[in-house]
PDB file of all heavy atoms in Angstrom:
ATOM      1  N   THR A   1      -3.187  17.413  -4.121  1.00  0.00           N
ATOM      2  CA  THR A   1      -4.130  16.657  -4.950  1.00  0.00           C
ATOM      3  C   THR A   1      -5.545  17.202  -4.816  1.00  0.00           C
ATOM      4  O   THR A   1      -6.271  17.332  -5.812  1.00  0.00           O
ATOM      5  CB  THR A   1      -4.103  15.176  -4.552  1.00  0.00           C
ATOM      6  OG1 THR A   1      -2.765  14.676  -4.694  1.00  0.00           O
ATOM      7  CG2 THR A   1      -5.038  14.353  -5.425  1.00  0.00           C
ATOM      8  N   LEU A   2      -5.949  17.542  -3.589  1.00  0.00           N
ATOM      9  CA  LEU A   2      -7.284  18.108  -3.381  1.00  0.00           C
ATOM     10  C   LEU A   2      -7.439  19.422  -4.133  1.00  0.00           C
ATOM     11  O   LEU A   2      -8.462  19.661  -4.791  1.00  0.00           O
ATOM     12  CB  LEU A   2      -7.528  18.325  -1.888  1.00  0.00           C
ATOM     13  CG  LEU A   2      -8.806  19.089  -1.503  1.00  0.00           C
ATOM     14  CD1 LEU A   2     -10.039  18.332  -1.978  1.00  0.00           C
ATOM     15  CD2 LEU A   2      -8.861  19.329  -0.010  1.00  0.00           C
ATOM     16  N   SER A   3      -6.424  20.265  -4.076  1.00  0.00           N
ATOM     17  CA  SER A   3      -6.507  21.576  -4.701  1.00  0.00           C
ATOM     18  C   SER A   3      -6.568  21.490  -6.220  1.00  0.00           C
ATOM     19  O   SER A   3      -7.333  22.212  -6.854  1.00  0.00           O
ATOM     20  CB  SER A   3      -5.304  22.429  -4.281  1.00  0.00           C
ATOM     21  OG  SER A   3      -5.302  23.665  -4.945  1.00  0.00           O
ATOM     22  N   THR A   4      -5.778  20.602  -6.816  1.00  0.00           N
ATOM     23  CA  THR A   4      -5.636  20.588  -8.273  1.00  0.00           C
ATOM     24  C   THR A   4      -6.550  19.588  -8.974  1.00  0.00           C
ATOM     25  O   THR A   4      -6.876  19.776 -10.150  1.00  0.00           O
ATOM     26  CB  THR A   4      -4.180  20.288  -8.657  1.00  0.00           C
ATOM     27  OG1 THR A   4      -3.784  19.023  -8.083  1.00  0.00           O
ATOM     28  CG2 THR A   4      -3.251  21.374  -8.145  1.00  0.00           C
ATOM     29  N   THR A   5      -6.962  18.531  -8.291  1.00  0.00           N
ATOM     30  CA  THR A   5      -7.808  17.516  -8.940  1.00  0.00           C
ATOM     31  C   THR A   5      -9.156  17.344  -8.257  1.00  0.00           C
ATOM     32  O   THR A   5      -9.920  16.451  -8.639  1.00  0.00           O
ATOM     33  CB  THR A   5      -7.087  16.153  -8.992  1.00  0.00           C
ATOM     34  OG1 THR A   5      -6.812  15.710  -7.657  1.00  0.00           O
ATOM     35  CG2 THR A   5      -5.776  16.260  -9.766  1.00  0.00           C
ATOM     36  N   GLY A   6      -9.429  18.158  -7.241  1.00  0.00           N
ATOM     37  CA  GLY A   6     -10.742  18.128  -6.611  1.00  0.00           C
ATOM     38  C   GLY A   6     -10.948  16.925  -5.704  1.00  0.00           C
ATOM     39  O   GLY A   6     -10.043  16.131  -5.449  1.00  0.00           O
ATOM     40  N   TYR A   7     -12.173  16.793  -5.243  1.00  0.00           N
ATOM     41  CA  TYR A   7     -12.500  15.704  -4.317  1.00  0.00           C
ATOM     42  C   TYR A   7     -12.469  14.348  -5.018  1.00  0.00           C
ATOM     43  O   TYR A   7     -12.172  13.331  -4.395  1.00  0.00           O
ATOM     44  CB  TYR A   7     -13.882  15.953  -3.685  1.00  0.00           C
ATOM     45  CG  TYR A   7     -13.883  17.106  -2.723  1.00  0.00           C
ATOM     46  CD1 TYR A   7     -14.292  18.378  -3.125  1.00  0.00           C
ATOM     47  CD2 TYR A   7     -13.454  16.940  -1.412  1.00  0.00           C
ATOM     48  CE1 TYR A   7     -14.286  19.449  -2.242  1.00  0.00           C
ATOM     49  CE2 TYR A   7     -13.447  18.006  -0.521  1.00  0.00           C
ATOM     50  CZ  TYR A   7     -13.862  19.253  -0.950  1.00  0.00           C
ATOM     51  OH  TYR A   7     -13.835  20.309  -0.071  1.00  0.00           O
ATOM     52  N   LEU A   8     -12.746  14.316  -6.305  1.00  0.00           N
ATOM     53  CA  LEU A   8     -12.658  13.066  -7.047  1.00  0.00           C
ATOM     54  C   LEU A   8     -11.201  12.588  -7.114  1.00  0.00           C
ATOM     55  O   LEU A   8     -10.909  11.412  -6.862  1.00  0.00           O
ATOM     56  CB  LEU A   8     -13.220  13.246  -8.458  1.00  0.00           C
ATOM     57  CG  LEU A   8     -13.140  12.006  -9.371  1.00  0.00           C
ATOM     58  CD1 LEU A   8     -13.931  10.853  -8.783  1.00  0.00           C
ATOM     59  CD2 LEU A   8     -13.648  12.354 -10.775  1.00  0.00           C
ATOM     60  N   GLY A   9     -10.303  13.495  -7.448  1.00  0.00           N
ATOM     61  CA  GLY A   9      -8.896  13.133  -7.512  1.00  0.00           C
ATOM     62  C   GLY A   9      -8.347  12.707  -6.167  1.00  0.00           C
ATOM     63  O   GLY A   9      -7.583  11.732  -6.070  1.00  0.00           O
ATOM     64  N   LEU A  10      -8.736  13.410  -5.108  1.00  0.00           N
ATOM     65  CA  LEU A  10      -8.281  13.040  -3.772  1.00  0.00           C
ATOM     66  C   LEU A  10      -8.815  11.676  -3.372  1.00  0.00           C
ATOM     67  O   LEU A  10      -8.099  10.866  -2.767  1.00  0.00           O
ATOM     68  CB  LEU A  10      -8.718  14.103  -2.764  1.00  0.00           C
ATOM     69  CG  LEU A  10      -8.308  13.839  -1.305  1.00  0.00           C
ATOM     70  CD1 LEU A  10      -6.792  13.824  -1.165  1.00  0.00           C
ATOM     71  CD2 LEU A  10      -8.907  14.897  -0.379  1.00  0.00           C
ATOM     72  N   SER A  11     -10.087  11.394  -3.713  1.00  0.00           N
ATOM     73  CA  SER A  11     -10.678  10.096  -3.386  1.00  0.00           C
ATOM     74  C   SER A  11      -9.934   8.955  -4.073  1.00  0.00           C
ATOM     75  O   SER A  11      -9.658   7.911  -3.460  1.00  0.00           O
ATOM     76  CB  SER A  11     -12.152  10.080  -3.791  1.00  0.00           C
ATOM     77  OG  SER A  11     -12.879  11.076  -3.116  1.00  0.00           O
ATOM     78  N   VAL A  12      -9.587   9.162  -5.348  1.00  0.00           N
ATOM     79  CA  VAL A  12      -8.846   8.133  -6.081  1.00  0.00           C
ATOM     80  C   VAL A  12      -7.461   7.937  -5.465  1.00  0.00           C
ATOM     81  O   VAL A  12      -6.983   6.810  -5.319  1.00  0.00           O
ATOM     82  CB  VAL A  12      -8.729   8.511  -7.575  1.00  0.00           C
ATOM     83  CG1 VAL A  12      -7.806   7.540  -8.300  1.00  0.00           C
ATOM     84  CG2 VAL A  12     -10.100   8.534  -8.215  1.00  0.00           C
ATOM     85  N   TYR A  13      -6.830   9.040  -5.085  1.00  0.00           N
ATOM     86  CA  TYR A  13      -5.491   8.966  -4.501  1.00  0.00           C
ATOM     87  C   TYR A  13      -5.520   8.234  -3.162  1.00  0.00           C
ATOM     88  O   TYR A  13      -4.650   7.404  -2.870  1.00  0.00           O
ATOM     89  CB  TYR A  13      -4.931  10.368  -4.334  1.00  0.00           C
ATOM     90  CG  TYR A  13      -3.433  10.438  -4.334  1.00  0.00           C
ATOM     91  CD1 TYR A  13      -2.691   9.937  -5.391  1.00  0.00           C
ATOM     92  CD2 TYR A  13      -2.731  11.025  -3.284  1.00  0.00           C
ATOM     93  CE1 TYR A  13      -1.319  10.002  -5.417  1.00  0.00           C
ATOM     94  CE2 TYR A  13      -1.349  11.102  -3.298  1.00  0.00           C
ATOM     95  CZ  TYR A  13      -0.652  10.585  -4.357  1.00  0.00           C
ATOM     96  OH  TYR A  13       0.715  10.649  -4.367  1.00  0.00           O
ATOM     97  N   VAL A  14      -6.517   8.548  -2.331  1.00  0.00           N
ATOM     98  CA  VAL A  14      -6.666   7.852  -1.052  1.00  0.00           C
ATOM     99  C   VAL A  14      -6.965   6.376  -1.284  1.00  0.00           C
ATOM    100  O   VAL A  14      -6.464   5.503  -0.554  1.00  0.00           O
ATOM    101  CB  VAL A  14      -7.776   8.514  -0.213  1.00  0.00           C
ATOM    102  CG1 VAL A  14      -8.109   7.673   1.020  1.00  0.00           C
ATOM    103  CG2 VAL A  14      -7.366   9.922   0.211  1.00  0.00           C
ATOM    104  N   LEU A  15      -7.759   6.065  -2.311  1.00  0.00           N
ATOM    105  CA  LEU A  15      -8.070   4.671  -2.630  1.00  0.00           C
ATOM    106  C   LEU A  15      -6.807   3.889  -2.991  1.00  0.00           C
ATOM    107  O   LEU A  15      -6.668   2.713  -2.634  1.00  0.00           O
ATOM    108  CB  LEU A  15      -9.079   4.615  -3.778  1.00  0.00           C
ATOM    109  CG  LEU A  15      -9.540   3.218  -4.218  1.00  0.00           C
ATOM    110  CD1 LEU A  15     -10.232   2.500  -3.064  1.00  0.00           C
ATOM    111  CD2 LEU A  15     -10.475   3.323  -5.420  1.00  0.00           C
ATOM    112  N   ILE A  16      -5.891   4.541  -3.699  1.00  0.00           N
ATOM    113  CA  ILE A  16      -4.616   3.891  -4.033  1.00  0.00           C
ATOM    114  C   ILE A  16      -3.866   3.513  -2.764  1.00  0.00           C
ATOM    115  O   ILE A  16      -3.335   2.393  -2.641  1.00  0.00           O
ATOM    116  CB  ILE A  16      -3.762   4.823  -4.916  1.00  0.00           C
ATOM    117  CG1 ILE A  16      -4.398   4.975  -6.294  1.00  0.00           C
ATOM    118  CG2 ILE A  16      -2.330   4.301  -5.044  1.00  0.00           C
ATOM    119  CD1 ILE A  16      -3.693   5.979  -7.182  1.00  0.00           C
ATOM    120  N   PHE A  17      -3.830   4.402  -1.791  1.00  0.00           N
ATOM    121  CA  PHE A  17      -3.119   4.119  -0.547  1.00  0.00           C
ATOM    122  C   PHE A  17      -3.828   3.041   0.268  1.00  0.00           C
ATOM    123  O   PHE A  17      -3.171   2.197   0.883  1.00  0.00           O
ATOM    124  CB  PHE A  17      -2.966   5.402   0.276  1.00  0.00           C
ATOM    125  CG  PHE A  17      -1.829   6.263  -0.162  1.00  0.00           C
ATOM    126  CD1 PHE A  17      -1.997   7.210  -1.162  1.00  0.00           C
ATOM    127  CD2 PHE A  17      -0.572   6.123   0.402  1.00  0.00           C
ATOM    128  CE1 PHE A  17      -0.945   8.001  -1.579  1.00  0.00           C
ATOM    129  CE2 PHE A  17       0.485   6.911  -0.013  1.00  0.00           C
ATOM    130  CZ  PHE A  17       0.298   7.852  -1.003  1.00  0.00           C
ATOM    131  N   LEU A  18      -5.153   3.061   0.280  1.00  0.00           N
ATOM    132  CA  LEU A  18      -5.887   2.019   0.991  1.00  0.00           C
ATOM    133  C   LEU A  18      -5.657   0.657   0.339  1.00  0.00           C
ATOM    134  O   LEU A  18      -5.491  -0.357   1.036  1.00  0.00           O
ATOM    135  CB  LEU A  18      -7.382   2.357   1.017  1.00  0.00           C
ATOM    136  CG  LEU A  18      -7.779   3.583   1.842  1.00  0.00           C
ATOM    137  CD1 LEU A  18      -9.276   3.832   1.730  1.00  0.00           C
ATOM    138  CD2 LEU A  18      -7.376   3.411   3.300  1.00  0.00           C
ATOM    139  N   SER A  19      -5.633   0.631  -0.992  1.00  0.00           N
ATOM    140  CA  SER A  19      -5.324  -0.607  -1.703  1.00  0.00           C
ATOM    141  C   SER A  19      -3.911  -1.073  -1.384  1.00  0.00           C
ATOM    142  O   SER A  19      -3.653  -2.270  -1.209  1.00  0.00           O
ATOM    143  CB  SER A  19      -5.482  -0.417  -3.211  1.00  0.00           C
ATOM    144  OG  SER A  19      -6.792  -0.016  -3.542  1.00  0.00           O
ATOM    145  N   ALA A  20      -2.984  -0.119  -1.300  1.00  0.00           N
ATOM    146  CA  ALA A  20      -1.593  -0.459  -0.984  1.00  0.00           C
ATOM    147  C   ALA A  20      -1.476  -1.046   0.417  1.00  0.00           C
ATOM    148  O   ALA A  20      -0.692  -1.978   0.642  1.00  0.00           O
ATOM    149  CB  ALA A  20      -0.714   0.781  -1.120  1.00  0.00           C
ATOM    150  N   LEU A  21      -2.254  -0.529   1.362  1.00  0.00           N
ATOM    151  CA  LEU A  21      -2.238  -1.096   2.711  1.00  0.00           C
ATOM    152  C   LEU A  21      -2.766  -2.522   2.707  1.00  0.00           C
ATOM    153  O   LEU A  21      -2.275  -3.388   3.448  1.00  0.00           O
ATOM    154  CB  LEU A  21      -3.071  -0.218   3.650  1.00  0.00           C
ATOM    155  CG  LEU A  21      -2.492   1.161   3.963  1.00  0.00           C
ATOM    156  CD1 LEU A  21      -3.457   1.956   4.841  1.00  0.00           C
ATOM    157  CD2 LEU A  21      -1.137   1.035   4.642  1.00  0.00           C
ATOM    158  N   TYR A  22      -3.756  -2.788   1.872  1.00  0.00           N
ATOM    159  CA  TYR A  22      -4.252  -4.157   1.722  1.00  0.00           C
ATOM    160  C   TYR A  22      -3.174  -5.069   1.148  1.00  0.00           C
ATOM    161  O   TYR A  22      -2.984  -6.199   1.605  1.00  0.00           O
ATOM    162  CB  TYR A  22      -5.494  -4.166   0.825  1.00  0.00           C
ATOM    163  CG  TYR A  22      -5.951  -5.552   0.428  1.00  0.00           C
ATOM    164  CD1 TYR A  22      -6.631  -6.367   1.338  1.00  0.00           C
ATOM    165  CD2 TYR A  22      -5.694  -6.059  -0.840  1.00  0.00           C
ATOM    166  CE1 TYR A  22      -7.040  -7.647   0.984  1.00  0.00           C
ATOM    167  CE2 TYR A  22      -6.110  -7.324  -1.202  1.00  0.00           C
ATOM    168  CZ  TYR A  22      -6.779  -8.113  -0.293  1.00  0.00           C
ATOM    169  OH  TYR A  22      -7.183  -9.387  -0.652  1.00  0.00           O
ATOM    170  N   TRP A  23      -2.437  -4.565   0.152  1.00  0.00           N
ATOM    171  CA  TRP A  23      -1.352  -5.364  -0.418  1.00  0.00           C
ATOM    172  C   TRP A  23      -0.243  -5.595   0.607  1.00  0.00           C
ATOM    173  O   TRP A  23       0.388  -6.644   0.610  1.00  0.00           O
ATOM    174  CB  TRP A  23      -0.807  -4.677  -1.663  1.00  0.00           C
ATOM    175  CG  TRP A  23      -1.754  -4.672  -2.814  1.00  0.00           C
ATOM    176  CD1 TRP A  23      -2.600  -5.676  -3.180  1.00  0.00           C
ATOM    177  CD2 TRP A  23      -1.986  -3.602  -3.748  1.00  0.00           C
ATOM    178  NE1 TRP A  23      -3.352  -5.305  -4.276  1.00  0.00           N
ATOM    179  CE2 TRP A  23      -2.983  -4.049  -4.651  1.00  0.00           C
ATOM    180  CE3 TRP A  23      -1.455  -2.339  -3.914  1.00  0.00           C
ATOM    181  CZ2 TRP A  23      -3.452  -3.254  -5.698  1.00  0.00           C
ATOM    182  CZ3 TRP A  23      -1.908  -1.548  -4.952  1.00  0.00           C
ATOM    183  CH2 TRP A  23      -2.893  -2.010  -5.830  1.00  0.00           C
ATOM    184  N   CYS A  24      -0.015  -4.608   1.475  1.00  0.00           N
ATOM    185  CA  CYS A  24       0.963  -4.790   2.555  1.00  0.00           C
ATOM    186  C   CYS A  24       0.565  -5.967   3.446  1.00  0.00           C
ATOM    187  O   CYS A  24       1.410  -6.790   3.832  1.00  0.00           O
ATOM    188  CB  CYS A  24       1.081  -3.513   3.389  1.00  0.00           C
ATOM    189  SG  CYS A  24       1.866  -2.126   2.541  1.00  0.00           S
ATOM    190  N   TRP A  25      -0.712  -6.012   3.780  1.00  0.00           N
ATOM    191  CA  TRP A  25      -1.197  -7.122   4.605  1.00  0.00           C
ATOM    192  C   TRP A  25      -1.084  -8.441   3.857  1.00  0.00           C
ATOM    193  O   TRP A  25      -0.726  -9.467   4.439  1.00  0.00           O
ATOM    194  CB  TRP A  25      -2.648  -6.855   5.009  1.00  0.00           C
ATOM    195  CG  TRP A  25      -3.250  -7.984   5.777  1.00  0.00           C
ATOM    196  CD1 TRP A  25      -3.027  -8.303   7.085  1.00  0.00           C
ATOM    197  CD2 TRP A  25      -4.156  -8.970   5.268  1.00  0.00           C
ATOM    198  NE1 TRP A  25      -3.757  -9.426   7.429  1.00  0.00           N
ATOM    199  CE2 TRP A  25      -4.451  -9.853   6.340  1.00  0.00           C
ATOM    200  CE3 TRP A  25      -4.747  -9.182   4.026  1.00  0.00           C
ATOM    201  CZ2 TRP A  25      -5.313 -10.931   6.187  1.00  0.00           C
ATOM    202  CZ3 TRP A  25      -5.598 -10.257   3.882  1.00  0.00           C
ATOM    203  CH2 TRP A  25      -5.875 -11.119   4.944  1.00  0.00           C
ATOM    204  N   GLN A  26      -1.342  -8.408   2.558  1.00  0.00           N
ATOM    205  CA  GLN A  26      -1.265  -9.617   1.745  1.00  0.00           C
ATOM    206  C   GLN A  26       0.151 -10.195   1.728  1.00  0.00           C
ATOM    207  O   GLN A  26       0.328 -11.408   1.816  1.00  0.00           O
ATOM    208  CB  GLN A  26      -1.710  -9.323   0.311  1.00  0.00           C
ATOM    209  CG  GLN A  26      -3.208  -9.194   0.125  1.00  0.00           C
ATOM    210  CD  GLN A  26      -3.935 -10.518   0.220  1.00  0.00           C
ATOM    211  OE1 GLN A  26      -4.501 -10.860   1.260  1.00  0.00           O
ATOM    212  NE2 GLN A  26      -3.913 -11.280  -0.857  1.00  0.00           N
ATOM    213  N   VAL A  27       1.150  -9.345   1.580  1.00  0.00           N
ATOM    214  CA  VAL A  27       2.517  -9.837   1.460  1.00  0.00           C
ATOM    215  C   VAL A  27       3.089 -10.280   2.805  1.00  0.00           C
ATOM    216  O   VAL A  27       4.034 -11.077   2.843  1.00  0.00           O
ATOM    217  CB  VAL A  27       3.442  -8.774   0.823  1.00  0.00           C
ATOM    218  CG1 VAL A  27       2.931  -8.378  -0.554  1.00  0.00           C
ATOM    219  CG2 VAL A  27       3.585  -7.551   1.703  1.00  0.00           C
ATOM    220  N   LEU A  28       2.532  -9.784   3.910  1.00  0.00           N
ATOM    221  CA  LEU A  28       3.109 -10.091   5.217  1.00  0.00           C
ATOM    222  C   LEU A  28       2.372 -11.176   5.971  1.00  0.00           C
ATOM    223  O   LEU A  28       2.899 -11.704   6.950  1.00  0.00           O
ATOM    224  CB  LEU A  28       3.147  -8.827   6.084  1.00  0.00           C
ATOM    225  CG  LEU A  28       4.086  -7.708   5.619  1.00  0.00           C
ATOM    226  CD1 LEU A  28       3.937  -6.491   6.516  1.00  0.00           C
ATOM    227  CD2 LEU A  28       5.521  -8.182   5.590  1.00  0.00           C
ATOM    228  N   LYS A  29       1.169 -11.543   5.525  1.00  0.00           N
ATOM    229  CA  LYS A  29       0.381 -12.491   6.309  1.00  0.00           C
ATOM    230  C   LYS A  29       0.960 -13.896   6.282  1.00  0.00           C
ATOM    231  O   LYS A  29       0.773 -14.674   7.220  1.00  0.00           O
ATOM    232  CB  LYS A  29      -1.075 -12.493   5.827  1.00  0.00           C
ATOM    233  CG  LYS A  29      -1.284 -13.062   4.439  1.00  0.00           C
ATOM    234  CD  LYS A  29      -2.767 -13.082   4.079  1.00  0.00           C
ATOM    235  CE  LYS A  29      -3.017 -13.702   2.709  1.00  0.00           C
ATOM    236  NZ  LYS A  29      -4.463 -13.737   2.386  1.00  0.00           N
ATOM    237  N   ASN A  30       1.677 -14.249   5.218  1.00  0.00           N
ATOM    238  CA  ASN A  30       2.293 -15.569   5.124  1.00  0.00           C
ATOM    239  C   ASN A  30       3.744 -15.482   5.584  1.00  0.00           C
ATOM    240  O   ASN A  30       4.643 -15.162   4.811  1.00  0.00           O
ATOM    241  CB  ASN A  30       2.213 -16.095   3.689  1.00  0.00           C
ATOM    242  CG  ASN A  30       2.795 -17.495   3.557  1.00  0.00           C
ATOM    243  OD1 ASN A  30       3.001 -18.197   4.562  1.00  0.00           O
ATOM    244  ND2 ASN A  30       3.072 -17.911   2.336  1.00  0.00           N
ATOM    245  N   LYS A  31       3.984 -15.780   6.864  1.00  0.00           N
ATOM    246  CA  LYS A  31       5.326 -15.635   7.424  1.00  0.00           C
ATOM    247  C   LYS A  31       6.255 -16.780   7.050  1.00  0.00           C
ATOM    248  O   LYS A  31       7.434 -16.757   7.394  1.00  0.00           O
ATOM    249  CB  LYS A  31       5.234 -15.522   8.945  1.00  0.00           C
ATOM    250  CG  LYS A  31       4.545 -14.256   9.426  1.00  0.00           C
ATOM    251  CD  LYS A  31       4.648 -14.090  10.920  1.00  0.00           C
ATOM    252  CE  LYS A  31       3.837 -15.150  11.664  1.00  0.00           C
ATOM    253  NZ  LYS A  31       3.879 -14.945  13.117  1.00  0.00           N
ATOM    254  N   THR A  32       5.742 -17.776   6.337  1.00  0.00           N
ATOM    255  CA  THR A  32       6.583 -18.917   5.956  1.00  0.00           C
ATOM    256  C   THR A  32       7.238 -18.743   4.591  1.00  0.00           C
ATOM    257  O   THR A  32       8.045 -19.582   4.184  1.00  0.00           O
ATOM    258  CB  THR A  32       5.739 -20.212   5.934  1.00  0.00           C
ATOM    259  OG1 THR A  32       4.674 -20.069   4.963  1.00  0.00           O
ATOM    260  CG2 THR A  32       5.150 -20.486   7.309  1.00  0.00           C
ATOM    261  N   SER A  33       6.888 -17.688   3.867  1.00  0.00           N
ATOM    262  CA  SER A  33       7.460 -17.502   2.535  1.00  0.00           C
ATOM    263  C   SER A  33       8.956 -17.211   2.636  1.00  0.00           C
ATOM    264  O   SER A  33       9.430 -16.578   3.592  1.00  0.00           O
ATOM    265  CB  SER A  33       6.752 -16.356   1.805  1.00  0.00           C
ATOM    266  OG  SER A  33       6.889 -15.149   2.525  1.00  0.00           O
ATOM    267  N   ALA A  34       9.701 -17.655   1.633  1.00  0.00           N
ATOM    268  CA  ALA A  34      11.154 -17.540   1.665  1.00  0.00           C
ATOM    269  C   ALA A  34      11.630 -16.095   1.584  1.00  0.00           C
ATOM    270  O   ALA A  34      12.691 -15.758   2.114  1.00  0.00           O
ATOM    271  CB  ALA A  34      11.757 -18.355   0.519  1.00  0.00           C
ATOM    272  N   ASP A  35      10.863 -15.242   0.925  1.00  0.00           N
ATOM    273  CA  ASP A  35      11.274 -13.848   0.742  1.00  0.00           C
ATOM    274  C   ASP A  35      10.503 -12.910   1.670  1.00  0.00           C
ATOM    275  O   ASP A  35      10.256 -11.769   1.336  1.00  0.00           O
ATOM    276  CB  ASP A  35      11.073 -13.431  -0.708  1.00  0.00           C
ATOM    277  CG  ASP A  35       9.632 -13.628  -1.184  1.00  0.00           C
ATOM    278  OD1 ASP A  35       8.837 -14.250  -0.451  1.00  0.00           O
ATOM    279  OD2 ASP A  35       9.308 -13.154  -2.293  1.00  0.00           O
ATOM    280  N   TRP A  36      10.137 -13.395   2.860  1.00  0.00           N
ATOM    281  CA  TRP A  36       9.311 -12.603   3.776  1.00  0.00           C
ATOM    282  C   TRP A  36      10.035 -11.347   4.238  1.00  0.00           C
ATOM    283  O   TRP A  36       9.436 -10.272   4.344  1.00  0.00           O
ATOM    284  CB  TRP A  36       8.908 -13.444   4.983  1.00  0.00           C
ATOM    285  CG  TRP A  36       7.855 -12.795   5.837  1.00  0.00           C
ATOM    286  CD1 TRP A  36       6.508 -12.847   5.664  1.00  0.00           C
ATOM    287  CD2 TRP A  36       8.082 -11.970   6.993  1.00  0.00           C
ATOM    288  NE1 TRP A  36       5.871 -12.117   6.645  1.00  0.00           N
ATOM    289  CE2 TRP A  36       6.805 -11.573   7.470  1.00  0.00           C
ATOM    290  CE3 TRP A  36       9.213 -11.550   7.665  1.00  0.00           C
ATOM    291  CZ2 TRP A  36       6.658 -10.771   8.591  1.00  0.00           C
ATOM    292  CZ3 TRP A  36       9.062 -10.735   8.786  1.00  0.00           C
ATOM    293  CH2 TRP A  36       7.788 -10.359   9.233  1.00  0.00           C
ATOM    294  N   TYR A  37      11.321 -11.440   4.498  1.00  0.00           N
ATOM    295  CA  TYR A  37      12.071 -10.274   4.966  1.00  0.00           C
ATOM    296  C   TYR A  37      12.187  -9.219   3.867  1.00  0.00           C
ATOM    297  O   TYR A  37      12.195  -8.022   4.154  1.00  0.00           O
ATOM    298  CB  TYR A  37      13.461 -10.693   5.458  1.00  0.00           C
ATOM    299  CG  TYR A  37      13.428 -11.404   6.786  1.00  0.00           C
ATOM    300  CD1 TYR A  37      13.649 -12.773   6.880  1.00  0.00           C
ATOM    301  CD2 TYR A  37      13.176 -10.699   7.964  1.00  0.00           C
ATOM    302  CE1 TYR A  37      13.614 -13.424   8.100  1.00  0.00           C
ATOM    303  CE2 TYR A  37      13.132 -11.342   9.191  1.00  0.00           C
ATOM    304  CZ  TYR A  37      13.355 -12.704   9.252  1.00  0.00           C
ATOM    305  OH  TYR A  37      13.303 -13.335  10.463  1.00  0.00           O
ATOM    306  N   LEU A  38      12.305  -9.657   2.628  1.00  0.00           N
ATOM    307  CA  LEU A  38      12.305  -8.703   1.521  1.00  0.00           C
ATOM    308  C   LEU A  38      10.967  -7.970   1.470  1.00  0.00           C
ATOM    309  O   LEU A  38      10.917  -6.750   1.278  1.00  0.00           O
ATOM    310  CB  LEU A  38      12.568  -9.424   0.200  1.00  0.00           C
ATOM    311  CG  LEU A  38      12.401  -8.578  -1.068  1.00  0.00           C
ATOM    312  CD1 LEU A  38      13.348  -7.388  -1.061  1.00  0.00           C
ATOM    313  CD2 LEU A  38      12.604  -9.434  -2.313  1.00  0.00           C
ATOM    314  N   LYS A  39       9.884  -8.705   1.647  1.00  0.00           N
ATOM    315  CA  LYS A  39       8.562  -8.094   1.657  1.00  0.00           C
ATOM    316  C   LYS A  39       8.427  -7.083   2.794  1.00  0.00           C
ATOM    317  O   LYS A  39       7.859  -5.993   2.617  1.00  0.00           O
ATOM    318  CB  LYS A  39       7.491  -9.178   1.769  1.00  0.00           C
ATOM    319  CG  LYS A  39       7.431 -10.125   0.574  1.00  0.00           C
ATOM    320  CD  LYS A  39       6.420 -11.234   0.801  1.00  0.00           C
ATOM    321  CE  LYS A  39       6.353 -12.172  -0.409  1.00  0.00           C
ATOM    322  NZ  LYS A  39       5.406 -13.290  -0.209  1.00  0.00           N
ATOM    323  N   ALA A  40       8.961  -7.443   3.961  1.00  0.00           N
ATOM    324  CA  ALA A  40       8.904  -6.527   5.103  1.00  0.00           C
ATOM    325  C   ALA A  40       9.695  -5.259   4.814  1.00  0.00           C
ATOM    326  O   ALA A  40       9.272  -4.147   5.173  1.00  0.00           O
ATOM    327  CB  ALA A  40       9.439  -7.212   6.355  1.00  0.00           C
ATOM    328  N   ALA A  41      10.834  -5.390   4.140  1.00  0.00           N
ATOM    329  CA  ALA A  41      11.643  -4.219   3.799  1.00  0.00           C
ATOM    330  C   ALA A  41      10.916  -3.321   2.805  1.00  0.00           C
ATOM    331  O   ALA A  41      10.942  -2.090   2.926  1.00  0.00           O
ATOM    332  CB  ALA A  41      12.991  -4.665   3.228  1.00  0.00           C
ATOM    333  N   VAL A  42      10.247  -3.919   1.815  1.00  0.00           N
ATOM    334  CA  VAL A  42       9.500  -3.139   0.828  1.00  0.00           C
ATOM    335  C   VAL A  42       8.332  -2.415   1.498  1.00  0.00           C
ATOM    336  O   VAL A  42       8.071  -1.239   1.210  1.00  0.00           O
ATOM    337  CB  VAL A  42       8.997  -4.050  -0.309  1.00  0.00           C
ATOM    338  CG1 VAL A  42       8.056  -3.285  -1.238  1.00  0.00           C
ATOM    339  CG2 VAL A  42      10.174  -4.599  -1.107  1.00  0.00           C
ATOM    340  N   VAL A  43       7.634  -3.085   2.407  1.00  0.00           N
ATOM    341  CA  VAL A  43       6.525  -2.450   3.120  1.00  0.00           C
ATOM    342  C   VAL A  43       7.037  -1.293   3.978  1.00  0.00           C
ATOM    343  O   VAL A  43       6.414  -0.218   4.034  1.00  0.00           O
ATOM    344  CB  VAL A  43       5.778  -3.483   3.985  1.00  0.00           C
ATOM    345  CG1 VAL A  43       4.743  -2.789   4.868  1.00  0.00           C
ATOM    346  CG2 VAL A  43       5.079  -4.510   3.100  1.00  0.00           C
ATOM    347  N   ALA A  44       8.184  -1.496   4.649  1.00  0.00           N
ATOM    348  CA  ALA A  44       8.765  -0.421   5.456  1.00  0.00           C
ATOM    349  C   ALA A  44       9.107   0.780   4.583  1.00  0.00           C
ATOM    350  O   ALA A  44       8.845   1.936   4.960  1.00  0.00           O
ATOM    351  CB  ALA A  44      10.007  -0.926   6.186  1.00  0.00           C
ATOM    352  N   SER A  45       9.668   0.538   3.414  1.00  0.00           N
ATOM    353  CA  SER A  45       9.989   1.632   2.486  1.00  0.00           C
ATOM    354  C   SER A  45       8.723   2.345   2.036  1.00  0.00           C
ATOM    355  O   SER A  45       8.696   3.581   1.927  1.00  0.00           O
ATOM    356  CB  SER A  45      10.744   1.085   1.276  1.00  0.00           C
ATOM    357  OG  SER A  45      11.979   0.521   1.657  1.00  0.00           O
ATOM    358  N   PHE A  46       7.665   1.571   1.776  1.00  0.00           N
ATOM    359  CA  PHE A  46       6.400   2.178   1.366  1.00  0.00           C
ATOM    360  C   PHE A  46       5.834   3.072   2.467  1.00  0.00           C
ATOM    361  O   PHE A  46       5.341   4.174   2.194  1.00  0.00           O
ATOM    362  CB  PHE A  46       5.390   1.095   0.999  1.00  0.00           C
ATOM    363  CG  PHE A  46       4.006   1.625   0.753  1.00  0.00           C
ATOM    364  CD1 PHE A  46       3.692   2.264  -0.432  1.00  0.00           C
ATOM    365  CD2 PHE A  46       3.022   1.496   1.724  1.00  0.00           C
ATOM    366  CE1 PHE A  46       2.424   2.784  -0.647  1.00  0.00           C
ATOM    367  CE2 PHE A  46       1.748   2.001   1.516  1.00  0.00           C
ATOM    368  CZ  PHE A  46       1.454   2.648   0.328  1.00  0.00           C
TER     369      PHE A  46
END
């Protein structure tokens, strides 16, 4: 990504992953949800 899209493209790509880590925290913080194990499996796959 750095080579083909430059520092702007790499920054956007890293931002996507940082946002995804935030979503990981969002889905796992509520341990009382009925589908918590499914969420944990999706985060592990990610």
